[in-house]
Amino acid sequence: MAKTKLQKQEALRDIQHGFEDSKLVVLTSYSKMPVQDVSQLRRKLNQESVSLKTVKKTLLKKAMTDIVDENDMLEIGNLSLAYGKDETTAAKVLAEFVKTHENFKILGGWLENKFLTKDRVSALAKLLSKEETLAKLCGTLNGPLNSFVRVLNGNTRGLVNVLKAIKDQKSN
């Protein structure tokens, strides 16, 4: 059954709201993929708080008239948009999925409303996540502090050993 004009407008608004609410949006294409594989991908994405929505080419073209070329739209299969709340998670999960499913392709993406080519999305997938980067930074900052504390403890320990040796010497 065909969608009404109101339903299409609502779907268009959903696409636009997804772009506004997400830091990273990845445009993907798939054709001739079993439903089980798509369901498996959706489960993986849901675990990472990323939503995957299948969109019609005409609606995407209306939502992104300045970015998506109409000639490119004719060559691709079903389109979907993955909306990620952070900068790397969606790209990482999708890049991992692409390795095992040849019918699934990453076409590009938008990072904070700036268009990214598929190569840039792949580069994002190789980056560390925000949490991993912060943990690495904390470890880097913590290293010199730990060394400084050990040096200070060494001086104190040395003083205590000297005082103990003086005490032992005087007691003999």
Protein backbone atom coordinates (compact mmCIF):
# COMPACT_ATOMS: atom_id res chain seq x y z
CA MET A 1 0.00 0.00 0.00
CA ALA A 2 1.34 3.42 -0.98
CA LYS A 3 2.17 5.96 1.69
CA THR A 4 0.10 9.09 1.99
CA LYS A 5 1.62 12.52 1.55
CA LEU A 6 1.41 13.07 5.31
CA GLN A 7 3.31 9.84 6.02
CA LYS A 8 6.01 10.85 3.53
CA GLN A 9 6.35 14.28 5.15
CA GLU A 10 6.66 12.64 8.55
CA ALA A 11 9.34 10.26 7.24
CA LEU A 12 11.18 13.24 5.75
CA ARG A 13 11.02 15.02 9.11
CA ASP A 14 12.36 11.87 10.83
CA ILE A 15 15.36 11.85 8.49
CA GLN A 16 16.05 15.53 9.13
CA HIS A 17 15.65 15.12 12.92
CA GLY A 18 18.03 12.17 12.81
CA PHE A 19 20.65 14.42 11.24
CA GLU A 20 20.09 17.10 13.87
CA ASP A 21 20.23 14.70 16.85
CA SER A 22 23.26 12.64 15.74
CA LYS A 23 26.94 13.47 15.61
CA LEU A 24 27.62 10.88 12.91
CA VAL A 25 25.24 9.64 10.22
CA VAL A 26 26.49 6.91 7.88
CA LEU A 27 24.81 6.27 4.53
CA THR A 28 24.88 2.60 3.55
CA SER A 29 23.58 0.50 0.70
CA TYR A 30 22.69 -3.15 0.59
CA SER A 31 21.11 -5.42 -1.98
CA LYS A 32 20.27 -9.11 -1.99
CA MET A 33 21.10 -9.48 1.68
CA PRO A 34 19.28 -12.07 3.77
CA VAL A 35 16.98 -10.69 6.44
CA GLN A 36 18.96 -12.56 9.10
CA ASP A 37 22.12 -10.60 8.23
CA VAL A 38 20.33 -7.26 8.36
CA SER A 39 18.74 -8.26 11.68
CA GLN A 40 22.16 -9.26 13.02
CA LEU A 41 23.53 -5.85 12.02
CA ARG A 42 20.62 -4.06 13.70
CA ARG A 43 21.24 -5.99 16.93
CA LYS A 44 24.95 -5.09 16.91
CA LEU A 45 24.14 -1.44 16.27
CA ASN A 46 21.45 -1.36 18.98
CA GLN A 47 23.97 -2.69 21.51
CA GLU A 48 26.14 0.32 20.70
CA SER A 49 23.21 2.81 20.83
CA VAL A 50 23.20 3.32 17.07
CA SER A 51 19.95 3.19 15.12
CA LEU A 52 19.67 1.95 11.54
CA LYS A 53 16.77 3.18 9.42
CA THR A 54 16.01 2.14 5.88
CA VAL A 55 15.08 5.14 3.73
CA LYS A 56 13.59 5.60 0.31
CA LYS A 57 15.86 7.09 -2.32
CA THR A 58 13.35 9.79 -3.21
CA LEU A 59 12.97 10.89 0.43
CA LEU A 60 16.72 11.00 0.93
CA LYS A 61 17.08 12.99 -2.27
CA LYS A 62 14.55 15.52 -0.96
CA ALA A 63 16.24 15.70 2.42
CA MET A 64 19.72 16.06 0.94
CA THR A 65 19.22 17.84 -2.38
CA ASP A 66 22.58 19.63 -2.22
CA ILE A 67 24.67 16.56 -1.35
CA VAL A 68 23.31 13.40 -3.00
CA ASP A 69 23.73 13.16 -6.77
CA GLU A 70 20.72 11.71 -8.59
CA ASN A 71 22.90 9.63 -10.94
CA ASP A 72 24.54 7.91 -7.97
CA MET A 73 21.11 7.04 -6.58
CA LEU A 74 20.24 4.93 -9.61
CA GLU A 75 23.23 2.61 -9.17
CA ILE A 76 22.70 1.60 -5.56
CA GLY A 77 20.34 -0.82 -3.87
CA ASN A 78 18.40 -0.26 -0.67
CA LEU A 79 19.57 2.71 1.36
CA SER A 80 19.84 2.97 5.09
CA LEU A 81 21.08 5.59 7.51
CA ALA A 82 22.89 4.72 10.73
CA TYR A 83 22.52 7.44 13.34
CA GLY A 84 25.32 7.51 15.93
CA LYS A 85 25.44 9.53 19.12
CA ASP A 86 29.25 9.70 19.07
CA GLU A 87 31.85 10.21 16.37
CA THR A 88 33.17 6.69 15.79
CA THR A 89 30.93 3.88 17.03
CA ALA A 90 28.61 3.64 14.03
CA ALA A 91 31.54 3.72 11.61
CA LYS A 92 33.38 0.99 13.54
CA VAL A 93 30.44 -1.42 13.65
CA LEU A 94 29.55 -0.85 9.99
CA ALA A 95 33.16 -1.19 8.81
CA GLU A 96 33.42 -4.50 10.67
CA PHE A 97 30.17 -5.68 9.07
CA VAL A 98 31.35 -4.68 5.56
CA LYS A 99 34.36 -7.01 5.92
CA THR A 100 32.12 -10.09 6.11
CA HIS A 101 29.25 -9.02 3.83
CA GLU A 102 30.11 -8.09 0.26
CA ASN A 103 26.57 -6.88 -0.58
CA PHE A 104 26.74 -4.22 2.13
CA LYS A 105 28.50 -0.96 1.27
CA ILE A 106 29.28 2.28 3.05
CA LEU A 107 28.59 5.15 0.67
CA GLY A 108 29.50 8.12 2.83
CA GLY A 109 28.41 9.96 5.89
CA TRP A 110 27.90 13.20 7.72
CA LEU A 111 29.91 14.20 10.78
CA GLU A 112 28.21 17.09 12.54
CA ASN A 113 26.41 17.95 9.26
CA LYS A 114 29.57 17.96 7.11
CA PHE A 115 29.67 15.42 4.30
CA LEU A 116 32.29 12.67 4.47
CA THR A 117 33.35 10.37 1.66
CA LYS A 118 33.35 6.62 2.23
CA ASP A 119 37.14 6.76 2.68
CA ARG A 120 36.76 9.29 5.48
CA VAL A 121 34.11 7.13 7.17
CA SER A 122 36.53 4.18 6.96
CA ALA A 123 39.24 6.36 8.50
CA LEU A 124 36.84 7.26 11.34
CA ALA A 125 36.32 3.55 11.97
CA LYS A 126 40.05 3.14 12.61
CA LEU A 127 40.16 5.88 15.25
CA LEU A 128 39.94 5.17 18.95
CA SER A 129 36.62 5.93 20.60
CA LYS A 130 36.25 8.93 22.88
CA GLU A 131 36.41 6.73 26.00
CA GLU A 132 39.54 4.92 24.75
CA THR A 133 41.23 8.22 23.94
CA LEU A 134 40.41 9.66 27.38
CA ALA A 135 41.70 6.51 29.09
CA LYS A 136 44.92 6.70 27.09
CA LEU A 137 45.31 10.38 27.98
CA CYS A 138 44.75 9.66 31.68
CA GLY A 139 47.37 6.90 31.56
CA THR A 140 49.82 9.22 29.83
CA LEU A 141 49.25 11.97 32.39
CA ASN A 142 49.38 9.51 35.29
CA GLY A 143 52.77 8.02 34.32
CA PRO A 144 55.00 11.01 35.20
CA LEU A 145 53.04 11.61 38.40
CA ASN A 146 53.59 8.02 39.52
CA SER A 147 57.31 8.32 38.76
CA PHE A 148 57.52 11.55 40.77
CA VAL A 149 55.81 9.91 43.75
CA ARG A 150 58.24 6.96 43.55
CA VAL A 151 61.22 9.33 43.52
CA LEU A 152 59.88 11.17 46.57
CA ASN A 153 59.27 7.86 48.36
CA GLY A 154 62.81 6.77 47.52
CA ASN A 155 64.29 9.84 49.20
CA THR A 156 62.17 9.31 52.29
CA ARG A 157 63.04 5.62 52.38
CA GLY A 158 66.72 6.47 52.04
CA LEU A 159 66.51 8.92 54.96
CA VAL A 160 64.78 6.31 57.12
CA ASN A 161 67.49 3.74 56.26
CA VAL A 162 70.26 6.19 57.17
CA LEU A 163 68.57 7.04 60.49
CA LYS A 164 68.14 3.33 61.23
CA ALA A 165 71.81 2.68 60.44
CA ILE A 166 72.86 5.54 62.79
CA LYS A 167 70.61 4.09 65.54
CA ASP A 168 72.08 0.61 65.03
CA GLN A 169 75.62 2.01 65.10
CA LYS A 170 75.04 3.91 68.35
CA SER A 171 73.36 0.93 70.01
CA ASN A 172 76.44 -1.27 69.35
